PDB file of N, CA and C in Angstrom:
ATOM      1  N   MET A   1     -15.446  11.822  26.160  1.00  0.00           N
ATOM      2  CA  MET A   1     -13.801  11.749  24.609  1.00  0.00           C
ATOM      3  C   MET A   1     -12.813  12.180  25.991  1.00  0.00           C
ATOM      4  N   SER A   2     -11.944  12.121  25.459  1.00  0.00           N
ATOM      5  CA  SER A   2     -10.040  12.365  25.683  1.00  0.00           C
ATOM      6  C   SER A   2     -10.699  14.245  26.206  1.00  0.00           C
ATOM      7  N   GLY A   3     -10.369  14.701  25.445  1.00  0.00           N
ATOM      8  CA  GLY A   3     -10.048  16.327  24.905  1.00  0.00           C
ATOM      9  C   GLY A   3      -8.670  16.875  24.378  1.00  0.00           C
ATOM     10  N   LEU A   4      -8.480  17.806  23.842  1.00  0.00           N
ATOM     11  CA  LEU A   4      -8.023  18.004  22.299  1.00  0.00           C
ATOM     12  C   LEU A   4      -7.296  17.679  22.849  1.00  0.00           C
ATOM     13  N   LEU A   5      -6.406  16.865  21.426  1.00  0.00           N
ATOM     14  CA  LEU A   5      -4.549  16.189  20.935  1.00  0.00           C
ATOM     15  C   LEU A   5      -3.587  17.457  20.985  1.00  0.00           C
ATOM     16  N   THR A   6      -2.825  17.345  21.080  1.00  0.00           N
ATOM     17  CA  THR A   6      -1.336  17.499  21.166  1.00  0.00           C
ATOM     18  C   THR A   6      -1.314  17.710  19.882  1.00  0.00           C
ATOM     19  N   ARG A   7      -0.553  18.386  19.198  1.00  0.00           N
ATOM     20  CA  ARG A   7       0.504  18.789  18.315  1.00  0.00           C
ATOM     21  C   ARG A   7       1.445  16.540  18.411  1.00  0.00           C
ATOM     22  N   ASP A   8       2.357  17.071  19.578  1.00  0.00           N
ATOM     23  CA  ASP A   8       3.227  15.342  19.906  1.00  0.00           C
ATOM     24  C   ASP A   8       2.058  14.631  20.004  1.00  0.00           C
ATOM     25  N   MET A   9       1.035  15.138  20.925  1.00  0.00           N
ATOM     26  CA  MET A   9       0.090  13.091  20.624  1.00  0.00           C
ATOM     27  C   MET A   9      -0.535  12.758  18.578  1.00  0.00           C
ATOM     28  N   ILE A  10       0.086  14.044  18.284  1.00  0.00           N
ATOM     29  CA  ILE A  10      -0.764  13.202  17.780  1.00  0.00           C
ATOM     30  C   ILE A  10      -0.342  13.201  16.246  1.00  0.00           C
ATOM     31  N   LEU A  11       1.760  13.787  16.512  1.00  0.00           N
ATOM     32  CA  LEU A  11       2.370  12.513  15.839  1.00  0.00           C
ATOM     33  C   LEU A  11       3.375  12.273  15.999  1.00  0.00           C
ATOM     34  N   GLN A  12       3.005  11.692  17.558  1.00  0.00           N
ATOM     35  CA  GLN A  12       3.363  10.337  17.807  1.00  0.00           C
ATOM     36  C   GLN A  12       2.514   8.994  17.957  1.00  0.00           C
ATOM     37  N   ALA A  13       0.898   9.213  17.650  1.00  0.00           N
ATOM     38  CA  ALA A  13      -0.674   8.703  17.205  1.00  0.00           C
ATOM     39  C   ALA A  13       0.166   7.006  16.504  1.00  0.00           C
ATOM     40  N   PRO A  14       0.476   6.207  17.567  1.00  0.00           N
ATOM     41  CA  PRO A  14       0.725   5.016  16.119  1.00  0.00           C
ATOM     42  C   PRO A  14      -0.328   4.772  15.709  1.00  0.00           C
ATOM     43  N   ASP A  15      -1.200   4.955  14.338  1.00  0.00           N
ATOM     44  CA  ASP A  15      -2.002   5.168  13.745  1.00  0.00           C
ATOM     45  C   ASP A  15      -1.689   3.916  12.203  1.00  0.00           C
ATOM     46  N   LEU A  16      -0.927   2.737  11.976  1.00  0.00           N
ATOM     47  CA  LEU A  16      -0.542   2.472  11.090  1.00  0.00           C
ATOM     48  C   LEU A  16      -1.248   1.059  11.114  1.00  0.00           C
ATOM     49  N   PRO A  17      -2.360   0.656  10.558  1.00  0.00           N
ATOM     50  CA  PRO A  17      -2.640  -0.452  11.748  1.00  0.00           C
ATOM     51  C   PRO A  17      -2.027  -1.503  10.740  1.00  0.00           C
ATOM     52  N   THR A  18      -2.033  -2.654  11.107  1.00  0.00           N
ATOM     53  CA  THR A  18      -1.054  -4.131  10.436  1.00  0.00           C
ATOM     54  C   THR A  18      -1.748  -4.994  10.722  1.00  0.00           C
ATOM     55  N   GLN A  19      -1.275  -6.005   9.769  1.00  0.00           N
ATOM     56  CA  GLN A  19      -1.807  -7.248   9.655  1.00  0.00           C
ATOM     57  C   GLN A  19      -0.729  -8.096   9.346  1.00  0.00           C
ATOM     58  N   ARG A  20      -1.000  -9.934  10.124  1.00  0.00           N
ATOM     59  CA  ARG A  20       0.035 -10.292   9.326  1.00  0.00           C
ATOM     60  C   ARG A  20      -1.080 -11.688   8.286  1.00  0.00           C
ATOM     61  N   VAL A  21      -0.677 -11.236   6.948  1.00  0.00           N
ATOM     62  CA  VAL A  21      -1.486 -11.894   6.521  1.00  0.00           C
ATOM     63  C   VAL A  21      -0.641 -13.376   5.669  1.00  0.00           C
ATOM     64  N   ALA A  22      -1.222 -14.386   6.035  1.00  0.00           N
ATOM     65  CA  ALA A  22      -0.255 -16.247   5.471  1.00  0.00           C
ATOM     66  C   ALA A  22      -0.653 -15.952   3.767  1.00  0.00           C
ATOM     67  N   VAL A  23       0.753 -16.355   2.901  1.00  0.00           N
ATOM     68  CA  VAL A  23       1.138 -16.359   1.908  1.00  0.00           C
ATOM     69  C   VAL A  23       1.215 -17.404   2.285  1.00  0.00           C
ATOM     70  N   PRO A  24       0.883 -19.424   1.918  1.00  0.00           N
ATOM     71  CA  PRO A  24       1.100 -19.935   1.807  1.00  0.00           C
ATOM     72  C   PRO A  24       2.079 -20.149   0.559  1.00  0.00           C
ATOM     73  N   GLU A  25       1.569 -20.021  -0.864  1.00  0.00           N
ATOM     74  CA  GLU A  25       2.774 -20.049  -1.939  1.00  0.00           C
ATOM     75  C   GLU A  25       3.907 -19.742  -1.903  1.00  0.00           C
ATOM     76  N   TRP A  26       4.302 -18.727  -0.818  1.00  0.00           N
ATOM     77  CA  TRP A  26       5.558 -18.575  -0.160  1.00  0.00           C
ATOM     78  C   TRP A  26       6.313 -19.302   1.248  1.00  0.00           C
ATOM     79  N   GLY A  27       5.260 -19.487   1.455  1.00  0.00           N
ATOM     80  CA  GLY A  27       6.015 -20.880   3.029  1.00  0.00           C
ATOM     81  C   GLY A  27       5.973 -19.623   3.923  1.00  0.00           C
ATOM     82  N   GLY A  28       4.941 -18.883   4.281  1.00  0.00           N
ATOM     83  CA  GLY A  28       4.828 -18.545   5.551  1.00  0.00           C
ATOM     84  C   GLY A  28       4.326 -17.221   5.842  1.00  0.00           C
ATOM     85  N   GLU A  29       4.110 -16.409   6.400  1.00  0.00           N
ATOM     86  CA  GLU A  29       3.357 -14.712   6.302  1.00  0.00           C
ATOM     87  C   GLU A  29       4.339 -13.717   6.222  1.00  0.00           C
ATOM     88  N   VAL A  30       3.120 -12.773   5.748  1.00  0.00           N
ATOM     89  CA  VAL A  30       4.293 -11.234   5.736  1.00  0.00           C
ATOM     90  C   VAL A  30       3.309 -10.314   6.704  1.00  0.00           C
ATOM     91  N   LEU A  31       3.678  -9.223   7.191  1.00  0.00           N
ATOM     92  CA  LEU A  31       3.397  -8.324   8.154  1.00  0.00           C
ATOM     93  C   LEU A  31       3.376  -7.356   6.962  1.00  0.00           C
ATOM     94  N   MET A  32       1.540  -6.731   7.520  1.00  0.00           N
ATOM     95  CA  MET A  32       2.046  -5.749   6.154  1.00  0.00           C
ATOM     96  C   MET A  32       0.920  -4.227   7.051  1.00  0.00           C
ATOM     97  N   ARG A  33       1.590  -3.496   6.805  1.00  0.00           N
ATOM     98  CA  ARG A  33       0.452  -2.353   7.677  1.00  0.00           C
ATOM     99  C   ARG A  33      -0.044  -0.832   6.171  1.00  0.00           C
ATOM    100  N   GLY A  34      -1.419  -0.353   6.616  1.00  0.00           N
ATOM    101  CA  GLY A  34      -1.679   0.142   6.241  1.00  0.00           C
ATOM    102  C   GLY A  34      -0.630   1.738   5.854  1.00  0.00           C
ATOM    103  N   MET A  35      -1.168   2.009   4.436  1.00  0.00           N
ATOM    104  CA  MET A  35       0.349   3.312   4.104  1.00  0.00           C
ATOM    105  C   MET A  35      -0.168   4.578   4.258  1.00  0.00           C
ATOM    106  N   THR A  36       1.202   4.942   4.077  1.00  0.00           N
ATOM    107  CA  THR A  36       1.156   6.880   5.412  1.00  0.00           C
ATOM    108  C   THR A  36       0.585   7.186   4.499  1.00  0.00           C
ATOM    109  N   GLY A  37      -0.034   9.067   4.251  1.00  0.00           N
ATOM    110  CA  GLY A  37      -0.704   9.438   3.774  1.00  0.00           C
ATOM    111  C   GLY A  37       0.428   9.595   2.878  1.00  0.00           C
ATOM    112  N   THR A  38       1.738  10.072   2.653  1.00  0.00           N
ATOM    113  CA  THR A  38       2.857  10.240   1.708  1.00  0.00           C
ATOM    114  C   THR A  38       2.396   9.039   0.831  1.00  0.00           C
ATOM    115  N   GLU A  39       2.500   7.836   1.624  1.00  0.00           N
ATOM    116  CA  GLU A  39       2.863   6.591   0.720  1.00  0.00           C
ATOM    117  C   GLU A  39       1.785   6.639   0.123  1.00  0.00           C
ATOM    118  N   ARG A  40       0.601   6.696  -0.080  1.00  0.00           N
ATOM    119  CA  ARG A  40      -0.882   6.757  -1.303  1.00  0.00           C
ATOM    120  C   ARG A  40      -0.910   8.149  -2.203  1.00  0.00           C
ATOM    121  N   ASP A  41       0.109   9.024  -1.680  1.00  0.00           N
ATOM    122  CA  ASP A  41      -0.668   9.968  -2.713  1.00  0.00           C
ATOM    123  C   ASP A  41       1.251  10.048  -3.135  1.00  0.00           C
ATOM    124  N   ALA A  42       1.998   9.359  -3.067  1.00  0.00           N
ATOM    125  CA  ALA A  42       2.875   8.886  -4.157  1.00  0.00           C
ATOM    126  C   ALA A  42       2.368   7.722  -5.899  1.00  0.00           C
ATOM    127  N   ILE A  43       2.066   7.112  -4.816  1.00  0.00           N
ATOM    128  CA  ILE A  43       1.184   5.615  -5.520  1.00  0.00           C
ATOM    129  C   ILE A  43       0.001   6.344  -6.333  1.00  0.00           C
ATOM    130  N   GLU A  44      -1.218   7.219  -5.733  1.00  0.00           N
ATOM    131  CA  GLU A  44      -2.422   8.221  -6.681  1.00  0.00           C
ATOM    132  C   GLU A  44      -1.367   9.067  -7.599  1.00  0.00           C
ATOM    133  N   GLN A  45      -0.698   9.242  -7.693  1.00  0.00           N
ATOM    134  CA  GLN A  45       0.087  10.478  -8.339  1.00  0.00           C
ATOM    135  C   GLN A  45       1.098  10.110  -8.873  1.00  0.00           C
ATOM    136  N   SER A  46       1.751   8.913  -9.279  1.00  0.00           N
ATOM    137  CA  SER A  46       2.463   7.773  -9.705  1.00  0.00           C
ATOM    138  C   SER A  46       1.360   7.741 -11.080  1.00  0.00           C
ATOM    139  N   VAL A  47       0.224   7.593 -11.211  1.00  0.00           N
ATOM    140  CA  VAL A  47      -0.339   7.286 -12.222  1.00  0.00           C
ATOM    141  C   VAL A  47      -1.183   8.326 -12.991  1.00  0.00           C
ATOM    142  N   LEU A  48      -0.949   9.135 -12.271  1.00  0.00           N
ATOM    143  CA  LEU A  48      -2.035  10.668 -12.827  1.00  0.00           C
ATOM    144  C   LEU A  48      -0.897  10.484 -14.915  1.00  0.00           C
ATOM    145  N   THR A  49      -1.731  11.429 -15.896  1.00  0.00           N
ATOM    146  CA  THR A  49      -1.362  10.826 -16.184  1.00  0.00           C
ATOM    147  C   THR A  49       0.093  12.767 -16.923  1.00  0.00           C
ATOM    148  N   LYS A  50       0.622  13.481 -16.878  1.00  0.00           N
ATOM    149  CA  LYS A  50       1.536  14.617 -17.074  1.00  0.00           C
ATOM    150  C   LYS A  50       0.533  15.850 -16.025  1.00  0.00           C
ATOM    151  N   ASP A  51      -1.004  16.173 -16.632  1.00  0.00           N
ATOM    152  CA  ASP A  51      -1.392  17.321 -17.118  1.00  0.00           C
ATOM    153  C   ASP A  51      -2.714  17.043 -15.781  1.00  0.00           C
ATOM    154  N   GLY A  52      -2.216  15.859 -15.359  1.00  0.00           N
ATOM    155  CA  GLY A  52      -2.581  15.197 -13.816  1.00  0.00           C
ATOM    156  C   GLY A  52      -4.233  15.047 -13.647  1.00  0.00           C
ATOM    157  N   LYS A  53      -4.854  15.195 -15.496  1.00  0.00           N
ATOM    158  CA  LYS A  53      -6.340  15.437 -15.353  1.00  0.00           C
ATOM    159  C   LYS A  53      -7.053  13.379 -16.254  1.00  0.00           C
ATOM    160  N   GLY A  54      -5.921  12.982 -16.067  1.00  0.00           N
ATOM    161  CA  GLY A  54      -6.929  11.568 -16.035  1.00  0.00           C
ATOM    162  C   GLY A  54      -5.269  10.179 -15.207  1.00  0.00           C
ATOM    163  N   VAL A  55      -5.578   9.398 -15.691  1.00  0.00           N
ATOM    164  CA  VAL A  55      -5.115   7.898 -14.721  1.00  0.00           C
ATOM    165  C   VAL A  55      -4.142   7.826 -16.721  1.00  0.00           C
ATOM    166  N   GLY A  56      -2.971   6.927 -16.482  1.00  0.00           N
ATOM    167  CA  GLY A  56      -1.870   6.942 -17.551  1.00  0.00           C
ATOM    168  C   GLY A  56      -1.359   5.637 -17.071  1.00  0.00           C
ATOM    169  N   ASP A  57      -0.155   5.579 -17.203  1.00  0.00           N
ATOM    170  CA  ASP A  57       0.078   3.867 -16.483  1.00  0.00           C
ATOM    171  C   ASP A  57       0.127   3.409 -15.663  1.00  0.00           C
ATOM    172  N   VAL A  58      -0.959   2.440 -15.282  1.00  0.00           N
ATOM    173  CA  VAL A  58      -1.278   1.729 -13.888  1.00  0.00           C
ATOM    174  C   VAL A  58      -0.677  -0.199 -13.959  1.00  0.00           C
ATOM    175  N   THR A  59       1.109  -0.298 -15.320  1.00  0.00           N
ATOM    176  CA  THR A  59       1.297  -1.039 -15.268  1.00  0.00           C
ATOM    177  C   THR A  59       2.231  -1.988 -13.880  1.00  0.00           C
ATOM    178  N   GLY A  60       2.559  -2.540 -12.878  1.00  0.00           N
ATOM    179  CA  GLY A  60       2.740  -2.873 -11.728  1.00  0.00           C
ATOM    180  C   GLY A  60       2.151  -1.773 -10.327  1.00  0.00           C
ATOM    181  N   LEU A  61       1.159  -1.415 -10.929  1.00  0.00           N
ATOM    182  CA  LEU A  61       0.431  -0.977  -9.180  1.00  0.00           C
ATOM    183  C   LEU A  61       0.401  -2.002  -8.272  1.00  0.00           C
ATOM    184  N   ARG A  62      -0.522  -2.920  -8.426  1.00  0.00           N
ATOM    185  CA  ARG A  62      -0.222  -4.119  -7.125  1.00  0.00           C
ATOM    186  C   ARG A  62       0.704  -4.022  -6.945  1.00  0.00           C
ATOM    187  N   ALA A  63       2.096  -4.374  -7.314  1.00  0.00           N
ATOM    188  CA  ALA A  63       3.576  -4.528  -7.181  1.00  0.00           C
ATOM    189  C   ALA A  63       3.565  -3.364  -6.209  1.00  0.00           C
ATOM    190  N   ARG A  64       3.352  -1.957  -7.126  1.00  0.00           N
ATOM    191  CA  ARG A  64       4.348  -1.086  -6.190  1.00  0.00           C
ATOM    192  C   ARG A  64       2.873  -0.635  -4.547  1.00  0.00           C
ATOM    193  N   VAL A  65       2.246  -1.310  -4.669  1.00  0.00           N
ATOM    194  CA  VAL A  65       1.173  -0.730  -2.800  1.00  0.00           C
ATOM    195  C   VAL A  65       1.829  -1.962  -2.501  1.00  0.00           C
ATOM    196  N   VAL A  66       1.486  -3.315  -3.021  1.00  0.00           N
ATOM    197  CA  VAL A  66       2.081  -4.229  -1.800  1.00  0.00           C
ATOM    198  C   VAL A  66       3.241  -3.425  -1.558  1.00  0.00           C
ATOM    199  N   ALA A  67       4.323  -3.636  -2.512  1.00  0.00           N
ATOM    200  CA  ALA A  67       5.933  -3.447  -1.658  1.00  0.00           C
ATOM    201  C   ALA A  67       6.580  -2.108  -1.168  1.00  0.00           C
ATOM    202  N   CYS A  68       4.728  -0.745  -0.460  1.00  0.00           N
ATOM    203  CA  CYS A  68       4.518   0.759   0.556  1.00  0.00           C
ATOM    204  C   CYS A  68       3.867  -0.593   1.651  1.00  0.00           C
ATOM    205  N   CYS A  69       3.927  -2.035   1.742  1.00  0.00           N
ATOM    206  CA  CYS A  69       3.163  -2.378   2.680  1.00  0.00           C
ATOM    207  C   CYS A  69       2.753  -3.987   3.716  1.00  0.00           C
ATOM    208  N   VAL A  70       4.206  -4.312   2.947  1.00  0.00           N
ATOM    209  CA  VAL A  70       4.854  -5.016   3.590  1.00  0.00           C
ATOM    210  C   VAL A  70       5.728  -4.415   4.394  1.00  0.00           C
ATOM    211  N   VAL A  71       5.713  -4.691   5.560  1.00  0.00           N
ATOM    212  CA  VAL A  71       6.485  -4.580   6.598  1.00  0.00           C
ATOM    213  C   VAL A  71       6.974  -5.039   6.854  1.00  0.00           C
ATOM    214  N   ASP A  72       8.452  -5.214   8.152  1.00  0.00           N
ATOM    215  CA  ASP A  72       9.383  -6.340   8.589  1.00  0.00           C
ATOM    216  C   ASP A  72       9.199  -5.684  10.242  1.00  0.00           C
ATOM    217  N   GLU A  73       8.682  -6.393  11.056  1.00  0.00           N
ATOM    218  CA  GLU A  73       8.592  -6.583  12.929  1.00  0.00           C
ATOM    219  C   GLU A  73       8.619  -5.483  13.390  1.00  0.00           C
ATOM    220  N   HIS A  74       9.903  -4.126  12.845  1.00  0.00           N
ATOM    221  CA  HIS A  74       9.786  -2.697  13.235  1.00  0.00           C
ATOM    222  C   HIS A  74       8.933  -1.847  12.183  1.00  0.00           C
ATOM    223  N   GLY A  75       8.199  -2.990  11.326  1.00  0.00           N
ATOM    224  CA  GLY A  75       7.317  -1.537  10.438  1.00  0.00           C
ATOM    225  C   GLY A  75       8.042  -0.920   9.598  1.00  0.00           C
ATOM    226  N   GLN A  76       9.706  -1.071   9.250  1.00  0.00           N
ATOM    227  CA  GLN A  76       9.921  -1.004   8.302  1.00  0.00           C
ATOM    228  C   GLN A  76      10.165  -1.369   6.838  1.00  0.00           C
ATOM    229  N   ARG A  77       9.904  -0.687   5.819  1.00  0.00           N
ATOM    230  CA  ARG A  77       9.248  -1.793   4.373  1.00  0.00           C
ATOM    231  C   ARG A  77      10.389  -2.503   3.703  1.00  0.00           C
ATOM    232  N   LEU A  78       9.925  -4.220   3.751  1.00  0.00           N
ATOM    233  CA  LEU A  78      11.389  -5.235   3.533  1.00  0.00           C
ATOM    234  C   LEU A  78      11.467  -4.538   1.518  1.00  0.00           C
ATOM    235  N   PHE A  79      10.583  -3.248   1.210  1.00  0.00           N
ATOM    236  CA  PHE A  79      11.115  -3.667  -0.323  1.00  0.00           C
ATOM    237  C   PHE A  79      11.239  -1.993  -0.848  1.00  0.00           C
ATOM    238  N   GLN A  80      11.850  -2.170  -1.656  1.00  0.00           N
ATOM    239  CA  GLN A  80      12.411  -1.060  -2.121  1.00  0.00           C
ATOM    240  C   GLN A  80      11.729  -0.993  -2.874  1.00  0.00           C
ATOM    241  N   LYS A  81      11.923   0.475  -4.213  1.00  0.00           N
ATOM    242  CA  LYS A  81      11.477   0.652  -5.143  1.00  0.00           C
ATOM    243  C   LYS A  81      12.182   0.433  -6.749  1.00  0.00           C
ATOM    244  N   GLY A  82      13.495  -0.519  -6.621  1.00  0.00           N
ATOM    245  CA  GLY A  82      13.829  -0.986  -7.053  1.00  0.00           C
ATOM    246  C   GLY A  82      12.784  -2.941  -7.185  1.00  0.00           C
ATOM    247  N   ASP A  83      12.932  -3.351  -6.363  1.00  0.00           N
ATOM    248  CA  ASP A  83      12.019  -4.432  -5.835  1.00  0.00           C
ATOM    249  C   ASP A  83      11.205  -4.686  -6.523  1.00  0.00           C
ATOM    250  N   VAL A  84      10.251  -3.504  -6.849  1.00  0.00           N
ATOM    251  CA  VAL A  84       9.038  -3.371  -8.129  1.00  0.00           C
ATOM    252  C   VAL A  84       8.682  -4.612  -9.110  1.00  0.00           C
ATOM    253  N   GLU A  85       9.366  -3.865  -9.713  1.00  0.00           N
ATOM    254  CA  GLU A  85      10.016  -5.115 -10.628  1.00  0.00           C
ATOM    255  C   GLU A  85       9.459  -6.586 -10.128  1.00  0.00           C
ATOM    256  N   ARG A  86      10.252  -6.425  -9.386  1.00  0.00           N
ATOM    257  CA  ARG A  86      10.547  -8.172  -9.239  1.00  0.00           C
ATOM    258  C   ARG A  86       9.225  -8.625  -8.503  1.00  0.00           C
ATOM    259  N   LEU A  87       9.283  -7.732  -7.993  1.00  0.00           N
ATOM    260  CA  LEU A  87       7.793  -8.144  -6.925  1.00  0.00           C
ATOM    261  C   LEU A  87       6.793  -7.797  -8.285  1.00  0.00           C
ATOM    262  N   GLY A  88       6.603  -7.421  -8.997  1.00  0.00           N
ATOM    263  CA  GLY A  88       5.492  -7.404 -10.246  1.00  0.00           C
ATOM    264  C   GLY A  88       5.651  -9.036 -10.514  1.00  0.00           C
ATOM    265  N   ALA A  89       6.316  -9.359 -10.796  1.00  0.00           N
ATOM    266  CA  ALA A  89       6.463 -10.616 -11.836  1.00  0.00           C
ATOM    267  C   ALA A  89       6.136 -11.821 -10.476  1.00  0.00           C
ATOM    268  N   LYS A  90       4.850 -12.030  -9.704  1.00  0.00           N
ATOM    269  CA  LYS A  90       5.308 -13.245  -8.531  1.00  0.00           C
ATOM    270  C   LYS A  90       4.202 -12.969  -9.294  1.00  0.00           C
ATOM    271  N   SER A  91       3.117 -14.328  -8.888  1.00  0.00           N
ATOM    272  CA  SER A  91       1.751 -14.465  -8.956  1.00  0.00           C
ATOM    273  C   SER A  91       1.315 -13.683  -8.669  1.00  0.00           C
ATOM    274  N   ALA A  92       0.213 -14.226  -9.809  1.00  0.00           N
ATOM    275  CA  ALA A  92      -1.110 -12.531  -9.994  1.00  0.00           C
ATOM    276  C   ALA A  92      -1.933 -12.896  -8.842  1.00  0.00           C
ATOM    277  N   THR A  93      -2.043 -13.896  -8.641  1.00  0.00           N
ATOM    278  CA  THR A  93      -3.318 -14.412  -7.996  1.00  0.00           C
ATOM    279  C   THR A  93      -2.563 -13.385  -5.768  1.00  0.00           C
ATOM    280  N   VAL A  94      -1.783 -14.524  -5.659  1.00  0.00           N
ATOM    281  CA  VAL A  94      -0.977 -13.744  -4.420  1.00  0.00           C
ATOM    282  C   VAL A  94      -0.869 -12.449  -4.383  1.00  0.00           C
ATOM    283  N   LEU A  95      -0.556 -11.364  -5.785  1.00  0.00           N
ATOM    284  CA  LEU A  95      -0.396  -9.991  -5.068  1.00  0.00           C
ATOM    285  C   LEU A  95      -2.267  -9.492  -5.179  1.00  0.00           C
ATOM    286  N   GLN A  96      -2.907 -10.296  -5.490  1.00  0.00           N
ATOM    287  CA  GLN A  96      -4.473  -9.966  -5.568  1.00  0.00           C
ATOM    288  C   GLN A  96      -4.457 -10.004  -4.308  1.00  0.00           C
ATOM    289  N   ARG A  97      -4.159 -10.665  -3.865  1.00  0.00           N
ATOM    290  CA  ARG A  97      -4.642 -11.353  -1.841  1.00  0.00           C
ATOM    291  C   ARG A  97      -3.836 -10.484  -1.138  1.00  0.00           C
ATOM    292  N   LEU A  98      -2.405  -9.739  -1.824  1.00  0.00           N
ATOM    293  CA  LEU A  98      -2.290  -9.044  -0.389  1.00  0.00           C
ATOM    294  C   LEU A  98      -2.762  -7.907  -1.350  1.00  0.00           C
ATOM    295  N   PHE A  99      -2.703  -7.437  -1.704  1.00  0.00           N
ATOM    296  CA  PHE A  99      -2.877  -5.543  -2.642  1.00  0.00           C
ATOM    297  C   PHE A  99      -4.535  -5.686  -1.994  1.00  0.00           C
ATOM    298  N   GLU A 100      -5.321  -6.232  -1.787  1.00  0.00           N
ATOM    299  CA  GLU A 100      -6.622  -5.918  -1.100  1.00  0.00           C
ATOM    300  C   GLU A 100      -6.790  -5.746  -0.132  1.00  0.00           C
ATOM    301  N   VAL A 101      -5.655  -6.911   1.645  1.00  0.00           N
ATOM    302  CA  VAL A 101      -5.232  -6.397   2.285  1.00  0.00           C
ATOM    303  C   VAL A 101      -4.717  -4.958   2.401  1.00  0.00           C
ATOM    304  N   ALA A 102      -4.403  -4.370   1.388  1.00  0.00           N
ATOM    305  CA  ALA A 102      -3.063  -3.441   1.709  1.00  0.00           C
ATOM    306  C   ALA A 102      -4.587  -1.851   1.148  1.00  0.00           C
ATOM    307  N   GLN A 103      -5.253  -2.451   0.140  1.00  0.00           N
ATOM    308  CA  GLN A 103      -6.757  -1.340   0.802  1.00  0.00           C
ATOM    309  C   GLN A 103      -7.179  -1.041   1.308  1.00  0.00           C
ATOM    310  N   GLN A 104      -7.526  -1.875   1.638  1.00  0.00           N
ATOM    311  CA  GLN A 104      -8.236  -2.354   3.377  1.00  0.00           C
ATOM    312  C   GLN A 104      -7.457  -1.945   4.576  1.00  0.00           C
ATOM    313  N   LEU A 105      -6.069  -1.944   4.993  1.00  0.00           N
ATOM    314  CA  LEU A 105      -5.737  -1.353   5.597  1.00  0.00           C
ATOM    315  C   LEU A 105      -5.542   0.278   5.110  1.00  0.00           C
ATOM    316  N   SER A 106      -5.631   0.731   3.983  1.00  0.00           N
ATOM    317  CA  SER A 106      -5.453   1.975   3.872  1.00  0.00           C
ATOM    318  C   SER A 106      -6.184   3.014   3.379  1.00  0.00           C
ATOM    319  N   GLY A 107      -7.507   2.150   3.263  1.00  0.00           N
ATOM    320  CA  GLY A 107      -8.910   3.388   3.872  1.00  0.00           C
ATOM    321  C   GLY A 107      -8.792   3.571   1.783  1.00  0.00           C
ATOM    322  N   LEU A 108      -8.109   2.755   0.888  1.00  0.00           N
ATOM    323  CA  LEU A 108      -8.245   2.718  -0.249  1.00  0.00           C
ATOM    324  C   LEU A 108      -9.530   1.423  -0.797  1.00  0.00           C
ATOM    325  N   SER A 109     -10.670   2.343  -1.030  1.00  0.00           N
ATOM    326  CA  SER A 109     -11.730   1.982  -1.645  1.00  0.00           C
ATOM    327  C   SER A 109     -11.939   1.468  -2.982  1.00  0.00           C
ATOM    328  N   PRO A 110     -12.384   0.146  -3.137  1.00  0.00           N
ATOM    329  CA  PRO A 110     -12.449   0.061  -4.621  1.00  0.00           C
ATOM    330  C   PRO A 110     -12.784   0.953  -5.243  1.00  0.00           C
ATOM    331  N   ALA A 111     -13.625   1.962  -5.347  1.00  0.00           N
ATOM    332  CA  ALA A 111     -13.991   2.831  -5.834  1.00  0.00           C
ATOM    333  C   ALA A 111     -13.076   3.693  -6.585  1.00  0.00           C
ATOM    334  N   ASP A 112     -11.881   3.357  -5.545  1.00  0.00           N
ATOM    335  CA  ASP A 112     -10.683   3.782  -5.701  1.00  0.00           C
ATOM    336  C   ASP A 112      -9.901   4.020  -7.002  1.00  0.00           C
ATOM    337  N   VAL A 113      -9.599   2.154  -6.103  1.00  0.00           N
ATOM    338  CA  VAL A 113      -8.500   1.754  -7.459  1.00  0.00           C
ATOM    339  C   VAL A 113      -9.203   1.351  -8.539  1.00  0.00           C
ATOM    340  N   ALA A 114     -10.780   1.640  -9.605  1.00  0.00           N
ATOM    341  CA  ALA A 114     -11.794   1.369 -10.225  1.00  0.00           C
ATOM    342  C   ALA A 114     -10.873   2.425 -11.061  1.00  0.00           C
ATOM    343  N   GLU A 115     -10.939   4.147 -10.209  1.00  0.00           N
ATOM    344  CA  GLU A 115     -10.915   5.526 -10.429  1.00  0.00           C
ATOM    345  C   GLU A 115      -8.886   5.532 -10.809  1.00  0.00           C
ATOM    346  N   LEU A 116      -8.019   4.100  -9.925  1.00  0.00           N
ATOM    347  CA  LEU A 116      -6.534   4.097 -10.505  1.00  0.00           C
ATOM    348  C   LEU A 116      -6.885   4.024 -11.611  1.00  0.00           C
ATOM    349  N   GLU A 117      -7.495   2.791 -12.005  1.00  0.00           N
ATOM    350  CA  GLU A 117      -7.014   1.735 -13.546  1.00  0.00           C
ATOM    351  C   GLU A 117      -7.822   2.503 -14.658  1.00  0.00           C
ATOM    352  N   LYS A 118      -8.696   3.926 -14.475  1.00  0.00           N
ATOM    353  CA  LYS A 118      -9.417   3.949 -16.015  1.00  0.00           C
ATOM    354  C   LYS A 118      -8.999   4.347 -16.338  1.00  0.00           C
ATOM    355  N   ASN A 119      -9.030   4.006 -17.629  1.00  0.00           N
ATOM    356  CA  ASN A 119      -8.011   4.235 -18.866  1.00  0.00           C
ATOM    357  C   ASN A 119      -8.772   5.449 -20.173  1.00  0.00           C
TER     358      ASN A 119
END
């Protein structure tokens, strides 16, 4: 073990995993990275009801997650909030494949997703 980490060491650590994913339907590959803690919190908050006690609208959940996780070679998101609806209109098969990679990279278990999608 290397000893105690400092604040700067923690804040500068490159801890977001990335993975190239082939998307033959789109004619190439995308680079995906795991969600940050803040992004995951925002996704989870977005599907909660106003009282925070249940799950509300999960429409576009896969597109929202994929939009958070598809990045360029510098780690910058390719999609913004305004792109989510158009991204959601893409192939469900492709979105599911990318969503599953995003899940794995973000530590979002199938049980977590099931909890988010419960009605």
